[in-house]
Amino acid sequence: MSELKNVVVVGLGIGGVVVAKALAAQLPKTHRVVGISENDFAYYPVASLRAATVPGELPLTRDRKSVCRERVW
C-alpha cells in the first residue's frame, strides 16, 4: 500500500492542467497529484486560429501524458 497522499484534480482542461502542475511543484514528496479527465487528449481552442492559418503549425490536440509529466498521474 502506498504511503503517498493523493490530491485529485477533476477536469484537465487548460485551468486544470495549470492547477495540477502548480500543485505538483509546491506539494511535498509525500503527496501526488492525480488528474481525472474524460478525454485522453488536451485541446487548446485558443490555438485553433493559428493552427488553421499557419501551415505546419503544431496540432490542436496533445496526448494528456505529455501535458502533465512529472508528479501528475
Protein backbone atom coordinates (compact mmCIF):
# COMPACT_ATOMS: atom_id res chain seq x y z
CA MET A 1 0.00 0.00 0.00
CA SER A 2 1.31 3.43 -0.96
CA GLU A 3 2.17 5.93 1.73
CA LEU A 4 1.55 8.82 -0.67
CA LYS A 5 -1.37 11.15 -0.07
CA ASN A 6 -3.46 11.87 -3.16
CA VAL A 7 -4.59 15.29 -4.29
CA VAL A 8 -7.19 14.93 -7.05
CA VAL A 9 -7.81 17.50 -9.81
CA VAL A 10 -11.06 16.80 -11.63
CA GLY A 11 -11.09 18.15 -15.16
CA LEU A 12 -7.84 18.61 -17.04
CA GLY A 13 -8.75 21.44 -19.35
CA ILE A 14 -6.47 24.46 -19.57
CA GLY A 15 -7.21 25.51 -15.98
CA GLY A 16 -6.99 22.02 -14.55
CA VAL A 17 -3.58 21.41 -16.11
CA VAL A 18 -2.28 24.70 -14.70
CA VAL A 19 -3.60 23.83 -11.23
CA ALA A 20 -2.25 20.26 -11.36
CA LYS A 21 1.23 21.41 -12.38
CA ALA A 22 1.29 24.16 -9.74
CA LEU A 23 0.20 21.73 -7.02
CA ALA A 24 2.75 19.13 -8.11
CA ALA A 25 5.51 21.72 -7.91
CA GLN A 26 4.50 23.00 -4.46
CA LEU A 27 3.41 19.87 -2.60
CA PRO A 28 5.93 17.82 -0.63
CA LYS A 29 7.15 14.47 -1.97
CA THR A 30 4.68 12.73 0.33
CA HIS A 31 1.84 13.85 -1.96
CA ARG A 32 0.96 13.10 -5.55
CA VAL A 33 -1.44 14.87 -7.87
CA VAL A 34 -3.96 12.69 -9.67
CA GLY A 35 -5.68 14.23 -12.69
CA ILE A 36 -9.07 12.96 -13.83
CA SER A 37 -10.38 13.81 -17.28
CA GLU A 38 -13.00 12.35 -19.57
CA ASN A 39 -10.60 12.74 -22.53
CA ASP A 40 -7.16 11.28 -23.09
CA PHE A 41 -6.08 14.35 -25.05
CA ALA A 42 -5.77 18.09 -24.41
CA TYR A 43 -7.45 20.58 -26.73
CA TYR A 44 -6.49 24.26 -26.79
CA PRO A 45 -9.15 26.26 -28.66
CA VAL A 46 -7.07 29.45 -28.46
CA ALA A 47 -4.51 27.84 -30.77
CA SER A 48 -7.11 26.82 -33.34
CA LEU A 49 -6.95 30.07 -35.34
CA ARG A 50 -3.18 29.95 -35.58
CA ALA A 51 -3.17 26.26 -36.45
CA ALA A 52 -5.83 26.77 -39.11
CA THR A 53 -3.95 29.60 -40.84
CA VAL A 54 -0.24 28.82 -40.39
CA PRO A 55 0.99 25.83 -42.42
CA GLY A 56 2.91 23.29 -40.35
CA GLU A 57 1.73 24.71 -37.03
CA LEU A 58 1.55 22.40 -34.02
CA PRO A 59 -1.52 20.16 -33.75
CA LEU A 60 -4.55 21.35 -31.81
CA THR A 61 -4.50 18.35 -29.51
CA ARG A 62 -1.77 16.76 -27.43
CA ASP A 63 -1.54 13.50 -25.55
CA ARG A 64 -2.59 14.13 -21.94
CA LYS A 65 0.56 12.42 -20.62
CA SER A 66 2.80 14.86 -22.50
CA VAL A 67 1.00 17.80 -20.89
CA CYS A 68 1.19 16.51 -17.29
CA ARG A 69 4.50 14.74 -16.92
CA GLU A 70 6.15 14.99 -13.54
CA ARG A 71 4.22 14.02 -10.43
CA VAL A 72 0.81 14.23 -12.09
CA TRP A 73 -0.86 10.90 -12.86
